[in-house]
Protein backbone atom coordinates (compact mmCIF):
# COMPACT_ATOMS: atom_id res chain seq x y z
CA UNK A 1 101.41 26.47 -36.34
CA UNK A 2 98.00 28.09 -36.72
CA UNK A 3 96.38 24.81 -38.09
CA UNK A 4 97.92 22.42 -35.11
CA UNK A 5 95.94 21.14 -32.48
CA UNK A 6 97.00 21.96 -29.13
CA UNK A 7 95.47 20.65 -26.13
CA UNK A 8 96.26 20.06 -22.67
CA UNK A 9 96.71 16.91 -21.09
CA UNK A 10 96.49 15.80 -16.92
CA UNK A 11 99.41 13.95 -17.23
CA UNK A 12 101.24 16.92 -17.98
CA UNK A 13 102.14 17.26 -21.64
CA UNK A 14 100.09 18.52 -24.68
CA UNK A 15 99.34 16.79 -27.37
CA UNK A 16 100.60 18.89 -30.65
CA UNK A 17 99.16 17.43 -33.44
CA UNK A 18 99.62 13.45 -33.06
CA UNK A 19 102.62 14.08 -30.46
CA UNK A 20 102.54 14.14 -27.19
CA UNK A 21 105.39 17.14 -25.18
CA UNK A 22 105.68 16.66 -22.18
CA UNK A 23 106.76 19.49 -19.74
CA UNK A 24 108.73 19.49 -16.75
CA UNK A 25 106.38 20.32 -13.64
CA UNK A 26 103.63 21.69 -15.78
CA UNK A 27 100.34 21.62 -13.62
CA UNK A 28 98.65 24.16 -16.32
CA UNK A 29 99.87 24.55 -18.96
CA UNK A 30 99.00 27.09 -21.26
CA UNK A 31 98.98 26.62 -25.32
CA UNK A 32 100.74 29.17 -27.89
CA UNK A 33 100.20 28.31 -31.08
CA UNK A 34 101.80 24.59 -31.45
CA UNK A 35 104.06 25.42 -27.85
CA UNK A 36 103.12 24.22 -24.57
CA UNK A 37 104.51 26.79 -22.19
CA UNK A 38 105.01 26.55 -18.40
CA UNK A 39 103.13 29.79 -17.17
CA UNK A 40 105.70 31.61 -14.66
CA UNK A 41 105.95 29.99 -11.64
CA UNK A 42 104.91 31.54 -7.99
CA UNK A 43 107.69 31.27 -5.64
CA UNK A 44 107.79 30.52 -1.78
CA UNK A 45 106.88 32.91 -0.10
CA UNK A 46 109.67 34.46 2.05
CA UNK A 47 109.41 35.12 5.79
CA UNK A 48 112.01 38.00 5.05
CA UNK A 49 110.64 41.09 4.79
CA UNK A 50 112.67 43.28 1.82
CA UNK A 51 109.99 46.10 1.60
CA UNK A 52 112.08 48.36 2.89
CA UNK A 53 114.92 48.07 0.27
CA UNK A 54 113.05 50.00 -2.40
CA UNK A 55 114.61 52.77 -0.40
CA UNK A 56 118.55 52.49 -0.83
CA UNK A 57 119.01 49.78 -3.04
CA UNK A 58 121.31 50.61 -5.91
CA UNK A 59 120.19 47.86 -8.33
CA UNK A 60 122.66 45.28 -6.85
CA UNK A 61 120.43 43.42 -4.53
CA UNK A 62 117.53 42.96 -7.13
CA UNK A 63 119.85 41.65 -9.70
CA UNK A 64 121.39 39.21 -7.04
CA UNK A 65 117.25 37.78 -6.45
CA UNK A 66 117.68 35.52 -9.92
CA UNK A 67 119.11 33.10 -7.67
CA UNK A 68 115.44 32.78 -5.61
CA UNK A 69 113.86 31.79 -8.87
CA UNK A 70 112.25 28.71 -9.31
CA UNK A 71 113.48 25.57 -11.92
CA UNK A 72 110.71 25.50 -14.33
CA UNK A 73 110.37 29.36 -14.96
CA UNK A 74 114.40 29.22 -15.32
CA UNK A 75 114.07 26.21 -17.47
CA UNK A 76 113.25 29.17 -20.28
CA UNK A 77 116.34 30.54 -20.35
CA UNK A 78 119.15 29.01 -19.14
CA UNK A 79 122.00 28.15 -20.58
CA UNK A 80 122.59 24.04 -18.86
CA UNK A 81 124.54 22.43 -21.64
CA UNK A 82 122.11 19.73 -20.35
CA UNK A 83 118.95 21.18 -21.33
CA UNK A 84 119.72 21.71 -25.01
CA UNK A 85 116.04 20.96 -26.00
CA UNK A 86 114.67 23.38 -23.32
CA UNK A 87 111.97 22.18 -20.15
CA UNK A 88 110.71 19.09 -21.81
CA UNK A 89 110.81 16.36 -19.67
CA UNK A 90 113.05 13.75 -21.56
CA UNK A 91 115.71 15.71 -20.92
CA UNK A 92 116.17 14.22 -17.68
CA UNK A 93 115.90 11.51 -18.61
CA UNK A 94 119.77 12.39 -20.67
CA UNK A 95 122.69 10.33 -18.65
CA UNK A 96 123.95 14.22 -18.23
CA UNK A 97 121.75 15.27 -16.39
CA UNK A 98 120.56 12.18 -14.36
CA UNK A 99 124.78 11.77 -13.46
CA UNK A 100 126.08 14.73 -12.88
CA UNK A 101 127.50 14.73 -9.02
CA UNK A 102 125.91 17.75 -7.71
CA UNK A 103 122.57 16.78 -8.64
CA UNK A 104 122.99 13.03 -7.34
CA UNK A 105 124.23 14.24 -4.16
CA UNK A 106 121.53 16.40 -3.29
CA UNK A 107 118.88 13.66 -3.72
CA UNK A 108 120.48 11.36 -1.38
CA UNK A 109 120.27 14.20 1.21
CA UNK A 110 116.75 14.26 0.17
CA UNK A 111 115.93 10.78 0.01
CA UNK A 112 118.05 10.47 3.44
CA UNK A 113 115.67 12.61 5.13
CA UNK A 114 113.12 11.34 3.98
CA UNK A 115 113.65 7.79 5.04
CA UNK A 116 115.57 9.41 7.88
CA UNK A 117 112.39 11.18 9.69
CA UNK A 118 109.19 8.42 8.46
CA UNK A 119 108.46 10.07 5.22
CA UNK A 120 108.67 6.03 4.08
CA UNK A 121 106.64 4.56 6.96
CA UNK A 122 103.59 7.00 6.07
CA UNK A 123 103.91 9.59 8.77
CA UNK A 124 104.98 12.31 6.40
CA UNK A 125 101.48 14.92 6.12
CA UNK A 126 102.75 15.26 2.72
CA UNK A 127 104.67 13.37 -0.20
CA UNK A 128 103.85 13.85 -3.12
CA UNK A 129 106.26 12.45 -6.25
CA UNK A 130 109.42 11.42 -3.42
CA UNK A 131 111.16 8.49 -5.08
CA UNK A 132 114.05 6.96 -5.76
CA UNK A 133 112.76 6.67 -9.21
CA UNK A 134 111.58 10.67 -9.71
CA UNK A 135 113.74 13.57 -10.24
CA UNK A 136 113.71 16.57 -7.36
CA UNK A 137 113.22 19.54 -9.54
CA UNK A 138 111.48 18.03 -12.62
CA UNK A 139 108.96 16.19 -11.02
CA UNK A 140 108.20 18.91 -8.44
CA UNK A 141 108.39 17.25 -5.19
CA UNK A 142 106.28 18.15 -2.73
CA UNK A 143 108.39 21.45 -0.32
CA UNK A 144 111.55 21.29 -2.86
CA UNK A 145 112.29 23.98 -5.01
CA UNK A 146 115.42 24.26 -7.52
CA UNK A 147 117.15 26.49 -9.33
CA UNK A 148 118.13 27.02 -13.08
CA UNK A 149 120.95 24.66 -12.49
CA UNK A 150 119.21 21.73 -11.49
CA UNK A 151 120.28 22.36 -7.23
CA UNK A 152 118.11 22.27 -4.44
CA UNK A 153 117.52 26.12 -2.84
CA UNK A 154 114.73 25.74 -0.90
CA UNK A 155 113.40 22.79 0.94
CA UNK A 156 110.42 24.16 3.07
CA UNK A 157 108.66 20.91 4.97
CA UNK A 158 106.78 22.78 7.34
CA UNK A 159 104.22 20.69 9.86
CA UNK A 160 104.71 17.64 7.61
CA UNK A 161 104.77 15.05 10.37
CA UNK A 162 109.02 14.74 10.03
CA UNK A 163 110.20 12.44 13.48
CA UNK A 164 113.32 11.32 14.58
CA UNK A 165 117.65 12.63 14.51
CA UNK A 166 117.88 15.45 12.24
CA UNK A 167 120.68 14.42 9.29
CA UNK A 168 124.01 14.52 9.81
CA UNK A 169 124.30 15.76 6.05
CA UNK A 170 121.80 18.57 5.55
CA UNK A 171 124.29 20.25 5.35
CA UNK A 172 125.40 18.88 1.97
CA UNK A 173 122.68 20.92 0.04
CA UNK A 174 125.48 23.22 -0.99
CA UNK A 175 122.90 25.78 -2.60
CA UNK A 176 120.21 25.81 -0.21
CA UNK A 177 118.86 29.52 0.75
CA UNK A 178 116.15 28.41 3.22
CA UNK A 179 115.66 25.42 5.30
CA UNK A 180 112.25 25.17 6.92
CA UNK A 181 111.92 22.10 9.04
CA UNK A 182 109.69 23.89 11.79
CA UNK A 183 105.96 23.44 13.77
CA UNK A 184 103.81 26.38 13.24
CA UNK A 185 102.01 25.54 16.77
CA UNK A 186 101.42 22.46 18.70
CA UNK A 187 97.52 22.83 18.23
CA UNK A 188 94.83 24.53 16.59
CA UNK A 189 91.46 26.40 18.00
CA UNK A 190 92.62 23.36 20.87
CA UNK A 191 92.91 20.77 18.50
CA UNK A 192 96.82 18.57 18.68
CA UNK A 193 98.61 19.87 15.31
CA UNK A 194 98.41 15.98 14.19
CA UNK A 195 101.37 16.68 11.70
CA UNK A 196 103.82 18.85 14.21
CA UNK A 197 107.49 18.25 13.55
CA UNK A 198 109.24 16.36 16.32
CA UNK A 199 113.18 16.33 15.13
CA UNK A 200 115.79 15.83 17.33
CA UNK A 201 119.30 16.07 18.37
CA UNK A 202 121.36 18.55 16.68
CA UNK A 203 122.25 20.56 13.15
CA UNK A 204 125.49 20.01 11.35
CA UNK A 205 127.90 22.36 9.67
CA UNK A 206 126.21 24.41 7.76
CA UNK A 207 129.15 25.53 6.38
CA UNK A 208 129.24 24.11 3.17
CA UNK A 209 126.11 26.12 2.43
CA UNK A 210 127.45 29.57 1.08
CA UNK A 211 124.21 30.79 -0.44
CA UNK A 212 121.45 30.34 3.12
CA UNK A 213 119.71 33.08 4.50
CA UNK A 214 116.95 31.43 5.94
CA UNK A 215 117.41 28.86 9.35
CA UNK A 216 114.04 28.22 10.43
CA UNK A 217 113.52 25.22 12.68
CA UNK A 218 111.10 26.13 15.56
CA UNK A 219 108.64 23.90 17.91
CA UNK A 220 110.76 20.79 17.54
CA UNK A 221 113.27 18.91 20.09
CA UNK A 222 117.30 20.91 18.52
CA UNK A 223 119.28 20.55 21.44
CA UNK A 224 122.22 22.48 19.46
CA UNK A 225 122.78 25.14 16.23
CA UNK A 226 125.57 24.15 14.46
CA UNK A 227 129.13 24.93 16.56
CA UNK A 228 130.72 26.71 13.55
CA UNK A 229 127.18 29.07 12.13
CA UNK A 230 129.01 32.05 12.71
CA UNK A 231 130.68 31.00 9.06
CA UNK A 232 127.25 30.90 7.64
CA UNK A 233 126.84 34.68 8.94
CA UNK A 234 127.87 36.68 5.89
CA UNK A 235 124.74 35.48 3.88
CA UNK A 236 122.63 34.68 7.15
CA UNK A 237 119.60 36.80 7.76
CA UNK A 238 117.07 34.79 8.92
CA UNK A 239 117.38 32.34 12.26
CA UNK A 240 114.09 31.41 14.17
CA UNK A 241 114.57 28.36 16.63
CA UNK A 242 111.65 28.87 19.00
CA UNK A 243 110.04 26.01 21.12
CA UNK A 244 113.54 24.24 21.20
CA UNK A 245 116.04 22.95 24.16
CA UNK A 246 118.50 25.02 23.59
CA UNK A 247 120.85 26.03 25.61
CA UNK A 248 123.72 28.53 23.90
CA UNK A 249 122.99 31.52 22.23
CA UNK A 250 125.12 31.01 18.50
CA UNK A 251 128.84 31.70 18.91
CA UNK A 252 130.84 35.23 17.78
CA UNK A 253 127.37 36.73 17.37
CA UNK A 254 129.16 40.04 16.00
CA UNK A 255 129.52 38.62 12.96
CA UNK A 256 126.11 38.08 12.20
CA UNK A 257 125.81 41.55 10.26
CA UNK A 258 122.81 41.12 8.00
CA UNK A 259 120.77 39.10 10.77
CA UNK A 260 117.50 40.81 10.09
CA UNK A 261 115.76 38.39 12.71
CA UNK A 262 116.31 36.40 15.39
CA UNK A 263 114.19 33.96 17.67
CA UNK A 264 115.54 32.47 20.13
CA UNK A 265 112.55 32.35 22.60
CA UNK A 266 111.14 29.48 24.72
CA UNK A 267 114.56 26.92 25.05
CA UNK A 268 116.91 26.80 27.93
CA UNK A 269 119.73 29.11 27.21
CA UNK A 270 121.67 30.00 30.09
CA UNK A 271 124.23 32.34 28.43
CA UNK A 272 125.51 35.79 29.57
CA UNK A 273 123.81 38.77 27.19
CA UNK A 274 125.93 39.93 24.82
CA UNK A 275 127.99 42.53 24.84
CA UNK A 276 127.98 42.47 21.01
CA UNK A 277 124.16 42.69 20.52
CA UNK A 278 124.33 46.18 19.35
CA UNK A 279 126.28 45.82 16.64
CA UNK A 280 123.89 43.90 14.65
CA UNK A 281 123.24 46.62 13.17
CA UNK A 282 120.52 45.07 10.72
CA UNK A 283 118.06 43.58 13.27
CA UNK A 284 114.30 43.80 13.42
CA UNK A 285 113.03 41.25 15.65
CA UNK A 286 114.49 40.15 18.44
CA UNK A 287 112.60 36.87 20.59
CA UNK A 288 114.97 35.54 23.92
CA UNK A 289 111.81 34.85 25.88
CA UNK A 290 111.77 32.47 28.46
CA UNK A 291 115.18 31.30 28.72
CA UNK A 292 117.60 31.60 31.94
CA UNK A 293 119.88 34.78 30.28
CA UNK A 294 121.79 36.22 32.55
CA UNK A 295 123.98 39.37 33.03
CA UNK A 296 123.12 43.11 32.31
CA UNK A 297 121.90 44.80 28.89
CA UNK A 298 124.36 47.86 28.34
CA UNK A 299 123.94 50.89 26.12
CA UNK A 300 125.59 49.85 23.14
CA UNK A 301 122.39 48.34 21.91
CA UNK A 302 121.24 51.64 20.77
CA UNK A 303 123.50 50.62 17.94
CA UNK A 304 120.05 48.36 16.85
CA UNK A 305 117.96 51.17 15.03
CA UNK A 306 116.03 49.09 13.01
CA UNK A 307 114.36 47.21 15.70
CA UNK A 308 110.54 46.60 15.43
CA UNK A 309 110.47 44.43 18.45
CA UNK A 310 112.47 42.84 21.09
CA UNK A 311 110.90 40.50 23.68
CA UNK A 312 113.44 39.50 26.53
CA UNK A 313 110.25 38.47 29.38
CA UNK A 314 110.66 35.68 31.25
CA UNK A 315 114.60 35.55 31.92
CA UNK A 316 114.70 36.73 35.74
CA UNK A 317 118.32 37.23 36.06
CA UNK A 318 118.56 39.95 33.37
CA UNK A 319 119.41 42.83 34.14
CA UNK A 320 120.72 46.09 33.69
CA UNK A 321 119.31 49.66 32.37
CA UNK A 322 117.47 49.91 28.58
CA UNK A 323 118.63 53.51 27.65
CA UNK A 324 116.22 56.19 27.53
CA UNK A 325 117.74 57.40 24.63
CA UNK A 326 115.92 54.10 22.68
CA UNK A 327 112.55 56.24 23.20
CA UNK A 328 114.34 58.22 19.79
CA UNK A 329 116.87 56.47 17.95
CA UNK A 330 114.81 53.16 17.78
CA UNK A 331 112.39 55.15 15.55
CA UNK A 332 111.03 52.19 13.64
CA UNK A 333 109.81 50.69 17.63
CA UNK A 334 106.87 49.13 17.89
CA UNK A 335 107.15 47.09 21.31
CA UNK A 336 109.80 46.02 24.29
CA UNK A 337 108.72 43.49 26.51
CA UNK A 338 111.17 42.60 29.47
CA UNK A 339 107.99 41.48 31.92
CA UNK A 340 110.46 39.47 34.90
CA UNK A 341 113.20 40.23 34.35
CA UNK A 342 115.21 42.84 36.91
CA UNK A 343 116.25 45.17 34.77
CA UNK A 344 115.85 48.91 35.96
CA UNK A 345 115.84 52.16 34.83
CA UNK A 346 113.20 54.63 33.12
CA UNK A 347 111.84 51.71 31.14
CA UNK A 348 111.32 49.58 33.73
CA UNK A 349 109.02 51.71 35.88
CA UNK A 350 106.59 51.95 32.54
CA UNK A 351 107.09 48.26 30.68
CA UNK A 352 108.18 45.73 33.83
CA UNK A 353 104.25 44.34 34.71
CA UNK A 354 103.37 44.59 31.26
CA UNK A 355 103.79 41.31 28.75
CA UNK A 356 103.49 43.81 25.52
CA UNK A 357 105.34 47.36 26.59
CA UNK A 358 103.44 49.13 23.37
CA UNK A 359 105.79 52.33 21.81
CA UNK A 360 102.74 54.86 22.93
CA UNK A 361 102.69 53.88 26.08
CA UNK A 362 106.38 54.66 27.37
CA UNK A 363 106.98 57.26 24.41
CA UNK A 364 105.77 61.21 24.73
CA UNK A 365 106.54 64.05 22.00
CA UNK A 366 110.17 64.14 21.40
CA UNK A 367 110.57 67.47 23.39
CA UNK A 368 109.43 65.89 26.71
CA UNK A 369 111.43 62.91 26.00
CA UNK A 370 113.05 62.17 29.09
CA UNK A 371 110.55 63.73 30.93
CA UNK A 372 108.84 62.10 34.44
CA UNK A 373 105.64 63.31 36.12
CA UNK A 374 107.03 65.53 38.10
CA UNK A 375 108.40 66.89 35.35
CA UNK A 376 105.66 67.56 32.79
CA UNK A 377 103.98 70.48 33.98
CA UNK A 378 100.14 70.68 34.86
CA UNK A 379 98.80 72.06 31.33
CA UNK A 380 95.09 72.67 31.90
CA UNK A 381 95.83 74.51 35.20
CA UNK A 382 98.12 76.72 33.13
CA UNK A 383 95.84 76.79 30.54
CA UNK A 384 93.01 78.21 33.72
CA UNK A 385 94.89 80.45 35.17
CA UNK A 386 96.03 82.56 32.04
CA UNK A 387 92.49 82.42 31.01
CA UNK A 388 90.95 84.01 34.42
CA UNK A 389 93.81 86.60 34.23
CA UNK A 390 92.81 86.91 30.74
CA UNK A 391 89.16 87.57 32.14
CA UNK A 392 90.02 89.67 34.91
CA UNK A 393 92.02 91.79 32.82
CA UNK A 394 89.26 92.83 30.72
CA UNK A 395 87.26 93.45 33.25
CA UNK A 396 89.39 95.70 34.80
CA UNK A 397 90.11 97.31 31.14
CA UNK A 398 86.09 98.26 31.13
CA UNK A 399 85.68 99.25 34.54
CA UNK A 400 87.77 102.72 33.99
């Protein structure tokens, strides 16, 4: 090994002596003696904030994160029988690998998305390595992340120029953990986002995706979420579909016990405000602004004690009263937004006329949590009175 000549090649291989050895997906190689190793890959960033897990995890959660490890990293320790020679690129040509029914199904779903949303017509911003002749995992298709078994776990194609009907078989990616087909903004600094995604129709059932944690489809023209989205409730933590054409909230919200973020603002939702919202005890970010929500807010929302930001603004038919107890019980709260609603009560008197009502605008010292202006004594005047009395007493004592 010490005498071998190792040269990293731009073609995705390495020269060891006089032989070329190619490695899956390695764009930068590290030569160690006569071996070329894939550097540790950096996983796509997750929008889910898990820092709080460090405070109370018993270790099970950390071990479960192995499912997020990407293909190039995982192939260093995988026990897949089809990869008896590790991550050498030639392994993808083996019959055992290429004919596996699950991997073939994943590839067909991806190709259907590619051709059905303009990828084959040049509409996509990036199409790196997408081809019927290549492999999604070994050849690192743009926006696709696979796990150690060669199954698609992340599909991230935000701002990539996708247009057309939402594929009906997206739920056939049965190992999917994250789906991101969003448009981040229609324009940037007054310049049009030329590669915004414009997907139409409805999201088909994802009941066959038992690992799904994040669905991000904001900025499209989606008309409906899956009717049976509640079947994904045991794992779903992030659902973002702002700026679409939705007309209803997900069914059976009570089942979404792990939901961390729910963003359905700027839609056409006409549902009543759910009576069981307070059961979503892991909720951190709630956006339902610019809809047509109706009904009343009740005391049950106190159950969402980990809430950080709640935006219910511009729902003029939404009434009821936000309990004053949230001032104390929602300890991590940053702001609420109830502008252009018919919500009444103490918090409404302070927050109804501002776009964002930050906590310092309605919170006081906890000893005075429920106090109104009339209840708070004039501390300055009381202090002056006491000072004058003390001065008078001192003068009287001196005169004697």
